[in-house]
C-alpha atoms as a PDB file:
ATOM      1  CA  MET A   1       0.000   0.000   0.000  1.00  0.00           C
ATOM      2  CA  SER A   2       2.841   2.378   0.801  1.00  0.00           C
ATOM      3  CA  LYS A   3       4.399   1.851  -2.609  1.00  0.00           C
ATOM      4  CA  VAL A   4       1.089   2.641  -4.258  1.00  0.00           C
ATOM      5  CA  LEU A   5       0.765   5.835  -2.226  1.00  0.00           C
ATOM      6  CA  GLN A   6       4.305   6.834  -3.173  1.00  0.00           C
ATOM      7  CA  SER A   7       3.532   6.348  -6.844  1.00  0.00           C
ATOM      8  CA  VAL A   8       0.265   8.282  -6.552  1.00  0.00           C
ATOM      9  CA  ALA A   9       2.025  11.084  -4.661  1.00  0.00           C
ATOM     10  CA  GLY A  10       4.636  11.335  -7.373  1.00  0.00           C
ATOM     11  CA  ILE A  11       1.987  11.532 -10.071  1.00  0.00           C
ATOM     12  CA  LEU A  12      -0.060  14.108  -8.171  1.00  0.00           C
ATOM     13  CA  PHE A  13       3.004  16.240  -7.452  1.00  0.00           C
ATOM     14  CA  ALA A  14       3.995  16.200 -11.113  1.00  0.00           C
ATOM     15  CA  ALA A  15       0.459  17.133 -12.128  1.00  0.00           C
ATOM     16  CA  PHE A  16       0.434  19.911  -9.528  1.00  0.00           C
ATOM     17  CA  GLY A  17       3.695  21.286 -10.886  1.00  0.00           C
ATOM     18  CA  ILE A  18       2.395  21.223 -14.434  1.00  0.00           C
ATOM     19  CA  ALA A  19      -0.785  22.979 -13.307  1.00  0.00           C
ATOM     20  CA  ILE A  20       1.162  25.720 -11.531  1.00  0.00           C
ATOM     21  CA  LEU A  21       3.384  26.245 -14.569  1.00  0.00           C
ATOM     22  CA  GLY A  22       0.313  26.320 -16.802  1.00  0.00           C
ATOM     23  CA  LEU A  23      -1.367  28.892 -14.553  1.00  0.00           C
ATOM     24  CA  LEU A  24       1.695  31.128 -14.521  1.00  0.00           C
ATOM     25  CA  MET A  25       2.125  30.888 -18.268  1.00  0.00           C
ATOM     26  CA  SER A  26      -1.572  31.569 -18.876  1.00  0.00           C
ATOM     27  CA  LEU A  27      -1.591  34.696 -16.714  1.00  0.00           C
ATOM     28  CA  THR A  28       1.723  35.897 -18.177  1.00  0.00           C
ATOM     29  CA  PHE A  29       0.380  35.367 -21.678  1.00  0.00           C
ATOM     30  CA  GLY A  30      -2.712  37.397 -20.779  1.00  0.00           C
ATOM     31  CA  ALA A  31      -0.580  40.300 -19.509  1.00  0.00           C
ATOM     32  CA  LEU A  32       1.518  40.131 -22.657  1.00  0.00           C
ATOM     33  CA  GLY A  33      -1.699  40.307 -24.676  1.00  0.00           C
ATOM     34  CA  LYS A  34      -2.376  43.699 -23.085  1.00  0.00           C
ATOM     35  CA  LEU A  35       1.201  44.781 -23.830  1.00  0.00           C
ATOM     36  CA  PHE A  36       1.134  43.499 -27.438  1.00  0.00           C
ATOM     37  CA  PRO A  37      -2.575  43.348 -28.303  1.00  0.00           C
ATOM     38  CA  ASP A  38      -2.141  42.721 -32.033  1.00  0.00           C
ATOM     39  CA  ASN A  39       1.142  40.799 -32.147  1.00  0.00           C
ATOM     40  CA  PHE A  40       0.951  37.108 -31.274  1.00  0.00           C
ATOM     41  CA  THR A  41       4.656  36.570 -32.026  1.00  0.00           C
ATOM     42  CA  ASN A  42       5.775  39.059 -29.388  1.00  0.00           C
ATOM     43  CA  GLN A  43       3.414  37.473 -26.881  1.00  0.00           C
ATOM     44  CA  VAL A  44       5.117  34.113 -27.402  1.00  0.00           C
ATOM     45  CA  TRP A  45       8.577  35.691 -27.113  1.00  0.00           C
ATOM     46  CA  GLY A  46       7.406  37.302 -23.889  1.00  0.00           C
ATOM     47  CA  LEU A  47       6.730  33.848 -22.454  1.00  0.00           C
ATOM     48  CA  VAL A  48      10.334  32.967 -23.314  1.00  0.00           C
ATOM     49  CA  LEU A  49      11.574  35.959 -21.313  1.00  0.00           C
ATOM     50  CA  PHE A  50       9.601  35.120 -18.167  1.00  0.00           C
ATOM     51  CA  ASP A  51       8.179  31.628 -17.524  1.00  0.00           C
ATOM     52  CA  ILE A  52      10.381  29.647 -19.893  1.00  0.00           C
ATOM     53  CA  ALA A  53      13.476  31.672 -18.929  1.00  0.00           C
ATOM     54  CA  ALA A  54      13.000  30.745 -15.269  1.00  0.00           C
ATOM     55  CA  MET A  55      12.975  27.038 -16.146  1.00  0.00           C
ATOM     56  CA  ILE A  56      15.966  27.361 -18.490  1.00  0.00           C
ATOM     57  CA  TRP A  57      18.111  29.204 -15.954  1.00  0.00           C
ATOM     58  CA  ALA A  58      17.211  26.624 -13.282  1.00  0.00           C
ATOM     59  CA  LEU A  59      18.338  23.793 -15.565  1.00  0.00           C
ATOM     60  CA  ALA A  60      21.501  25.702 -16.463  1.00  0.00           C
ATOM     61  CA  PHE A  61      22.274  26.179 -12.758  1.00  0.00           C
ATOM     62  CA  VAL A  62      22.144  22.415 -12.215  1.00  0.00           C
ATOM     63  CA  PHE A  63      23.659  21.022 -15.406  1.00  0.00           C
ATOM     64  CA  LYS A  64      25.474  23.750 -17.386  1.00  0.00           C
ATOM     65  CA  CYS A  65      27.687  25.548 -14.875  1.00  0.00           C
ATOM     66  CA  ASP A  66      31.412  24.836 -14.543  1.00  0.00           C
ATOM     67  CA  SER A  67      32.634  27.881 -12.613  1.00  0.00           C
ATOM     68  CA  THR A  68      31.552  30.062  -9.723  1.00  0.00           C
ATOM     69  CA  ILE A  69      30.741  32.954 -12.042  1.00  0.00           C
ATOM     70  CA  GLN A  70      28.466  30.745 -14.144  1.00  0.00           C
ATOM     71  CA  TYR A  71      26.579  29.600 -11.039  1.00  0.00           C
ATOM     72  CA  ALA A  72      26.092  33.213  -9.977  1.00  0.00           C
ATOM     73  CA  VAL A  73      24.925  34.233 -13.457  1.00  0.00           C
ATOM     74  CA  ALA A  74      22.430  31.361 -13.631  1.00  0.00           C
ATOM     75  CA  ALA A  75      21.046  32.230 -10.196  1.00  0.00           C
ATOM     76  CA  ILE A  76      20.616  35.892 -11.150  1.00  0.00           C
ATOM     77  CA  GLY A  77      18.899  34.883 -14.393  1.00  0.00           C
ATOM     78  CA  PHE A  78      16.476  32.595 -12.549  1.00  0.00           C
ATOM     79  CA  LEU A  79      15.594  35.297 -10.021  1.00  0.00           C
ATOM     80  CA  ALA A  80      15.085  37.923 -12.743  1.00  0.00           C
ATOM     81  CA  ALA A  81      12.800  35.621 -14.747  1.00  0.00           C
ATOM     82  CA  PHE A  82      10.859  34.438 -11.679  1.00  0.00           C
ATOM     83  CA  ILE A  83      10.306  37.951 -10.309  1.00  0.00           C
ATOM     84  CA  GLY A  84       9.316  39.149 -13.766  1.00  0.00           C
ATOM     85  CA  THR A  85       6.829  36.290 -14.073  1.00  0.00           C
ATOM     86  CA  LEU A  86       5.256  37.169 -10.724  1.00  0.00           C
ATOM     87  CA  GLY A  87       5.026  40.811 -11.809  1.00  0.00           C
ATOM     88  CA  MET A  88       3.268  39.899 -15.052  1.00  0.00           C
ATOM     89  CA  VAL A  89       0.853  37.655 -13.119  1.00  0.00           C
ATOM     90  CA  ALA A  90       0.068  40.498 -10.710  1.00  0.00           C
ATOM     91  CA  VAL A  91      -0.539  42.910 -13.598  1.00  0.00           C
ATOM     92  CA  GLU A  92      -2.874  40.447 -15.319  1.00  0.00           C
ATOM     93  CA  VAL A  93      -4.835  39.843 -12.116  1.00  0.00           C
ATOM     94  CA  MET A  94      -5.272  43.572 -11.437  1.00  0.00           C
ATOM     95  CA  MET A  95      -6.137  44.512 -15.022  1.00  0.00           C
ATOM     96  CA  SER A  96      -8.363  41.547 -15.882  1.00  0.00           C
ATOM     97  CA  GLY A  97     -11.567  43.389 -14.981  1.00  0.00           C
ATOM     98  CA  GLN A  98     -11.736  42.959 -11.216  1.00  0.00           C
ATOM     99  CA  GLU A  99     -13.463  45.738  -9.265  1.00  0.00           C
ATOM    100  CA  TYR A 100     -11.949  45.315  -5.812  1.00  0.00           C
ATOM    101  CA  VAL A 101      -8.622  47.064  -6.334  1.00  0.00           C
ATOM    102  CA  GLU A 102      -8.189  50.333  -8.165  1.00  0.00           C
ATOM    103  CA  VAL A 103      -5.452  50.062 -10.749  1.00  0.00           C
ATOM    104  CA  GLN A 104      -3.055  52.997 -10.783  1.00  0.00           C
ATOM    105  CA  PRO A 105      -1.650  54.359 -14.079  1.00  0.00           C
ATOM    106  CA  TRP A 106       1.898  53.529 -13.061  1.00  0.00           C
ATOM    107  CA  VAL A 107       1.102  49.794 -13.163  1.00  0.00           C
ATOM    108  CA  GLY A 108       0.927  49.777 -16.952  1.00  0.00           C
ATOM    109  CA  GLN A 109       3.999  51.993 -17.188  1.00  0.00           C
ATOM    110  CA  TRP A 110       6.088  49.652 -15.059  1.00  0.00           C
ATOM    111  CA  MET A 111       4.877  46.690 -17.093  1.00  0.00           C
ATOM    112  CA  VAL A 112       6.418  48.335 -20.158  1.00  0.00           C
ATOM    113  CA  TYR A 113       9.607  49.274 -18.303  1.00  0.00           C
ATOM    114  CA  GLY A 114       9.839  45.817 -16.740  1.00  0.00           C
ATOM    115  CA  PHE A 115       9.631  44.072 -20.094  1.00  0.00           C
ATOM    116  CA  VAL A 116      12.508  46.158 -21.447  1.00  0.00           C
ATOM    117  CA  ILE A 117      14.603  45.707 -18.285  1.00  0.00           C
ATOM    118  CA  VAL A 118      14.115  41.922 -18.161  1.00  0.00           C
ATOM    119  CA  THR A 119      15.039  41.657 -21.856  1.00  0.00           C
ATOM    120  CA  ALA A 120      18.283  43.552 -21.248  1.00  0.00           C
ATOM    121  CA  ILE A 121      19.095  41.463 -18.153  1.00  0.00           C
ATOM    122  CA  HIS A 122      18.651  38.140 -19.942  1.00  0.00           C
ATOM    123  CA  ALA A 123      20.749  39.259 -22.923  1.00  0.00           C
ATOM    124  CA  ALA A 124      23.601  40.439 -20.665  1.00  0.00           C
ATOM    125  CA  LEU A 125      23.478  37.309 -18.490  1.00  0.00           C
ATOM    126  CA  LEU A 126      23.549  35.024 -21.514  1.00  0.00           C
ATOM    127  CA  TYR A 127      26.787  36.623 -22.766  1.00  0.00           C
ATOM    128  CA  ALA A 128      28.225  36.618 -19.241  1.00  0.00           C
ATOM    129  CA  HIS A 129      27.464  32.909 -18.796  1.00  0.00           C
ATOM    130  CA  HIS A 130      29.291  31.974 -22.005  1.00  0.00           C
ATOM    131  CA  SER A 131      32.254  34.261 -21.286  1.00  0.00           C
ATOM    132  CA  ALA A 132      32.595  32.787 -17.775  1.00  0.00           C
ATOM    133  CA  ALA A 133      33.356  29.316 -19.146  1.00  0.00           C
ATOM    134  CA  PRO A 134      36.757  28.096 -17.865  1.00  0.00           C
ATOM    135  CA  ASP A 135      38.493  27.956 -21.257  1.00  0.00           C
ATOM    136  CA  ILE A 136      37.149  31.311 -22.437  1.00  0.00           C
ATOM    137  CA  HIS A 137      37.837  32.891 -19.039  1.00  0.00           C
ATOM    138  CA  GLU A 138      41.433  31.651 -19.240  1.00  0.00           C
ATOM    139  CA  ARG A 139      41.875  33.117 -22.713  1.00  0.00           C
ATOM    140  CA  ILE A 140      40.501  36.461 -21.578  1.00  0.00           C
ATOM    141  CA  ASN A 141      42.761  36.638 -18.510  1.00  0.00           C
ATOM    142  CA  VAL A 142      45.859  35.577 -20.457  1.00  0.00           C
ATOM    143  CA  GLY A 143      45.050  38.103 -23.178  1.00  0.00           C
ATOM    144  CA  ILE A 144      44.669  40.896 -20.620  1.00  0.00           C
ATOM    145  CA  ALA A 145      47.981  39.940 -18.969  1.00  0.00           C
ATOM    146  CA  ARG A 146      49.723  39.850 -22.357  1.00  0.00           C
ATOM    147  CA  GLY A 147      48.325  43.261 -23.208  1.00  0.00           C
ATOM    148  CA  GLU A 148      49.599  44.698 -19.910  1.00  0.00           C
ATOM    149  CA  ILE A 149      53.073  43.250 -20.571  1.00  0.00           C
ATOM    150  CA  VAL A 150      53.183  44.727 -24.074  1.00  0.00           C
ATOM    151  CA  THR A 151      52.027  48.106 -22.771  1.00  0.00           C
ATOM    152  CA  GLU A 152      54.728  48.092 -20.077  1.00  0.00           C
ATOM    153  CA  ALA A 153      57.363  47.125 -22.664  1.00  0.00           C
ATOM    154  CA  ILE A 154      56.294  50.019 -24.887  1.00  0.00           C
ATOM    155  CA  ASN A 155      56.513  52.437 -21.955  1.00  0.00           C
ATOM    156  CA  GLN A 156      60.003  51.204 -21.036  1.00  0.00           C
ATOM    157  CA  ALA A 157      61.157  51.436 -24.652  1.00  0.00           C
ATOM    158  CA  THR A 158      59.801  54.982 -24.887  1.00  0.00           C
ATOM    159  CA  LYS A 159      61.668  56.024 -21.744  1.00  0.00           C
ATOM    160  CA  THR A 160      64.899  54.443 -23.034  1.00  0.00           C
ATOM    161  CA  LEU A 161      64.596  56.193 -26.394  1.00  0.00           C
ATOM    162  CA  ASP A 162      63.946  59.526 -24.688  1.00  0.00           C
ATOM    163  CA  ALA A 163      67.087  59.060 -22.592  1.00  0.00           C
ATOM    164  CA  GLU A 164      69.230  58.086 -25.610  1.00  0.00           C
ATOM    165  CA  LYS A 165      67.655  60.536 -28.037  1.00  0.00           C
ATOM    166  CA  SER A 166      70.741  62.732 -28.450  1.00  0.00           C
ATOM    167  CA  ALA A 167      73.132  59.812 -28.972  1.00  0.00           C
ATOM    168  CA  LEU A 168      70.854  58.158 -31.507  1.00  0.00           C
ATOM    169  CA  ALA A 169      70.373  61.420 -33.386  1.00  0.00           C
ATOM    170  CA  SER A 170      74.118  62.031 -33.608  1.00  0.00           C
ATOM    171  CA  SER A 171      74.620  58.563 -35.107  1.00  0.00           C
ATOM    172  CA  ILE A 172      72.295  59.209 -38.055  1.00  0.00           C
ATOM    173  CA  HIS A 173      72.688  62.940 -38.668  1.00  0.00           C
ATOM    174  CA  ALA A 174      75.557  62.402 -41.144  1.00  0.00           C
ATOM    175  CA  ASP A 175      73.391  60.222 -43.372  1.00  0.00           C
ATOM    176  CA  ILE A 176      70.560  62.747 -43.222  1.00  0.00           C
ATOM    177  CA  VAL A 177      72.863  65.625 -44.197  1.00  0.00           C
ATOM    178  CA  ALA A 178      74.316  63.597 -47.065  1.00  0.00           C
ATOM    179  CA  GLN A 179      70.833  62.749 -48.309  1.00  0.00           C
ATOM    180  CA  VAL A 180      69.818  66.420 -48.194  1.00  0.00           C
ATOM    181  CA  LYS A 181      72.918  67.359 -50.192  1.00  0.00           C
ATOM    182  CA  ARG A 182      72.073  64.735 -52.788  1.00  0.00           C
ATOM    183  CA  ASP A 183      68.483  65.989 -52.964  1.00  0.00           C
ATOM    184  CA  LEU A 184      69.737  69.562 -53.497  1.00  0.00           C
ATOM    185  CA  GLY A 185      72.087  68.445 -56.277  1.00  0.00           C
ATOM    186  CA  LEU A 186      75.244  69.539 -54.503  1.00  0.00           C
ATOM    187  CA  HIS A 187      78.419  67.937 -55.866  1.00  0.00           C
ATOM    188  CA  ARG A 188      80.978  66.427 -53.584  1.00  0.00           C
ATOM    189  CA  SER A 189      83.670  68.743 -54.935  1.00  0.00           C
ATOM    190  CA  GLN A 190      81.647  71.874 -54.217  1.00  0.00           C
ATOM    191  CA  VAL A 191      82.965  73.802 -51.260  1.00  0.00           C
ATOM    192  CA  LEU A 192      80.401  75.188 -48.863  1.00  0.00           C
ATOM    193  CA  ASP A 193      81.086  78.229 -46.733  1.00  0.00           C
ATOM    194  CA  LEU A 194      80.242  76.684 -43.395  1.00  0.00           C
ATOM    195  CA  PRO A 195      81.529  77.602 -39.946  1.00  0.00           C
ATOM    196  CA  ALA A 196      84.450  75.536 -38.770  1.00  0.00           C
ATOM    197  CA  LEU A 197      83.856  73.098 -35.964  1.00  0.00           C
ATOM    198  CA  PRO A 198      86.300  72.848 -33.037  1.00  0.00           C
ATOM    199  CA  VAL A 199      88.660  69.902 -33.206  1.00  0.00           C
ATOM    200  CA  GLU A 200      89.465  68.189 -29.952  1.00  0.00           C
ATOM    201  CA  GLN A 201      92.811  66.369 -29.501  1.00  0.00           C
ATOM    202  CA  PRO A 202      94.123  66.471 -33.088  1.00  0.00           C
ATOM    203  CA  TYR A 203      96.567  63.777 -34.110  1.00  0.00           C
ATOM    204  CA  PRO A 204      99.518  64.218 -36.550  1.00  0.00           C
ATOM    205  CA  VAL A 205      98.849  63.028 -40.070  1.00  0.00           C
ATOM    206  CA  THR A 206     101.000  60.132 -41.229  1.00  0.00           C
ATOM    207  CA  PHE A 207     101.066  58.427 -44.590  1.00  0.00           C
ATOM    208  CA  ALA A 208     101.347  54.694 -44.798  1.00  0.00           C
ATOM    209  CA  LYS A 209     104.008  53.281 -47.090  1.00  0.00           C
ATOM    210  CA  GLU A 210     102.793  51.318 -50.038  1.00  0.00           C
ATOM    211  CA  THR A 211     103.571  47.649 -49.575  1.00  0.00           C
ATOM    212  CA  ALA A 212     103.275  44.794 -52.021  1.00  0.00           C
ATOM    213  CA  LEU A 213     100.326  42.484 -51.674  1.00  0.00           C
ATOM    214  CA  PRO A 214     101.117  39.038 -50.222  1.00  0.00           C
ATOM    215  CA  LEU A 215     101.807  36.305 -52.848  1.00  0.00           C
ATOM    216  CA  SER A 216     101.921  38.883 -55.653  1.00  0.00           C
ATOM    217  CA  TRP A 217     104.714  39.099 -58.266  1.00  0.00           C
ATOM    218  CA  GLN A 218     106.322  42.085 -56.597  1.00  0.00           C
ATOM    219  CA  TRP A 219     106.224  40.371 -53.232  1.00  0.00           C
ATOM    220  CA  LEU A 220     107.850  37.189 -54.599  1.00  0.00           C
ATOM    221  CA  ARG A 221     110.437  39.215 -56.492  1.00  0.00           C
ATOM    222  CA  SER A 222     111.398  41.113 -53.372  1.00  0.00           C
ATOM    223  CA  LYS A 223     111.860  37.843 -51.499  1.00  0.00           C
ATOM    224  CA  PHE A 224     113.991  35.936 -54.030  1.00  0.00           C
ATOM    225  CA  GLN A 225     115.875  38.699 -55.878  1.00  0.00           C
ATOM    226  CA  SER A 226     119.527  38.931 -54.675  1.00  0.00           C
ATOM    227  CA  LYS A 227     120.911  42.276 -53.973  1.00  0.00           C
ATOM    228  CA  ALA A 228     123.598  43.498 -56.470  1.00  0.00           C
ATOM    229  CA  LYS A 229     127.091  43.562 -54.997  1.00  0.00           C
ATOM    230  CA  PRO A 230     128.953  46.876 -55.363  1.00  0.00           C
ATOM    231  CA  GLN A 231     131.883  46.864 -57.874  1.00  0.00           C
ATOM    232  CA  PRO A 232     135.297  47.441 -56.259  1.00  0.00           C
ATOM    233  CA  LYS A 233     136.934  50.716 -57.165  1.00  0.00           C
ATOM    234  CA  PRO A 234     140.130  50.395 -59.334  1.00  0.00           C
ATOM    235  CA  GLU A 235     143.345  51.030 -57.446  1.00  0.00           C
ATOM    236  CA  PRO A 236     145.739  53.608 -58.951  1.00  0.00           C
ATOM    237  CA  ILE A 237     148.930  52.231 -60.604  1.00  0.00           C
ATOM    238  CA  MET A 238     151.967  53.137 -58.551  1.00  0.00           C
ATOM    239  CA  GLN A 239     155.417  53.218 -60.354  1.00  0.00           C
ATOM    240  CA  ASP A 240     158.665  53.096 -58.504  1.00  0.00           C
ATOM    241  CA  ASP A 241     161.417  55.689 -58.767  1.00  0.00           C
ATOM    242  CA  GLN A 242     163.689  53.566 -61.012  1.00  0.00           C
ATOM    243  CA  SER A 243     161.152  53.224 -63.798  1.00  0.00           C
ATOM    244  CA  LEU A 244     160.544  56.949 -63.695  1.00  0.00           C
ATOM    245  CA  GLN A 245     164.309  57.678 -63.958  1.00  0.00           C
ATOM    246  CA  ALA A 246     164.701  55.240 -66.897  1.00  0.00           C
ATOM    247  CA  GLY A 247     161.945  56.905 -68.721  1.00  0.00           C
ATOM    248  CA  GLY A 248     163.563  60.297 -68.196  1.00  0.00           C
ATOM    249  CA  GLU A 249     166.959  59.216 -69.535  1.00  0.00           C
ATOM    250  CA  GLY A 250     165.483  57.657 -72.635  1.00  0.00           C
ATOM    251  CA  SER A 251     163.766  60.866 -73.469  1.00  0.00           C
END
């Protein structure tokens, strides 16, 4: 008997839940009919924003959340849809023709504002839920960190260039001046009347002696050519006194 009662209780509870959902959807659909009297499509989409959205966010909270942010987003979405559904039910009950409660003009105004606000909330939460997925969240955080590193590197490079601006400019000014001279058509041999620049620590000018290239003909010739020996000077012929006297007598 207990098992039968348990089965009956389960069936009755399921039927009760379906009846409650049907009541909420019926009243919400009636309120949406007052908001969109001639547009059945918008009335159906309104059910998606309120009654159906509450069920979807509840299922997402249980089965489709992998991070703390996703759980928080799903909970906020469920609360927004559930509160919006209760508001639409209250509006339908008050504006359905009852005569016990006087309906104020602001009720209809807040029904319009509430529809717009709930639409914006669901759209934002849907994007937030997808962006809070672990893999996408990791990509976003790594991308932000990489961007901060690149920005810091650019700032450091800018400071370094500002500090070395004069030295860098002096290293390229000669090329710039030469390019300007070429653009103006100035010849290299043309002398310009420019002020002389001071010379610090001048060095004496020396000329290098021309040397033969290694393994060239001149180099080999200088290595193997023997130096010419100087010719001995001829010695003067010396005659003795007897030969001179004999020559004098013969004359």
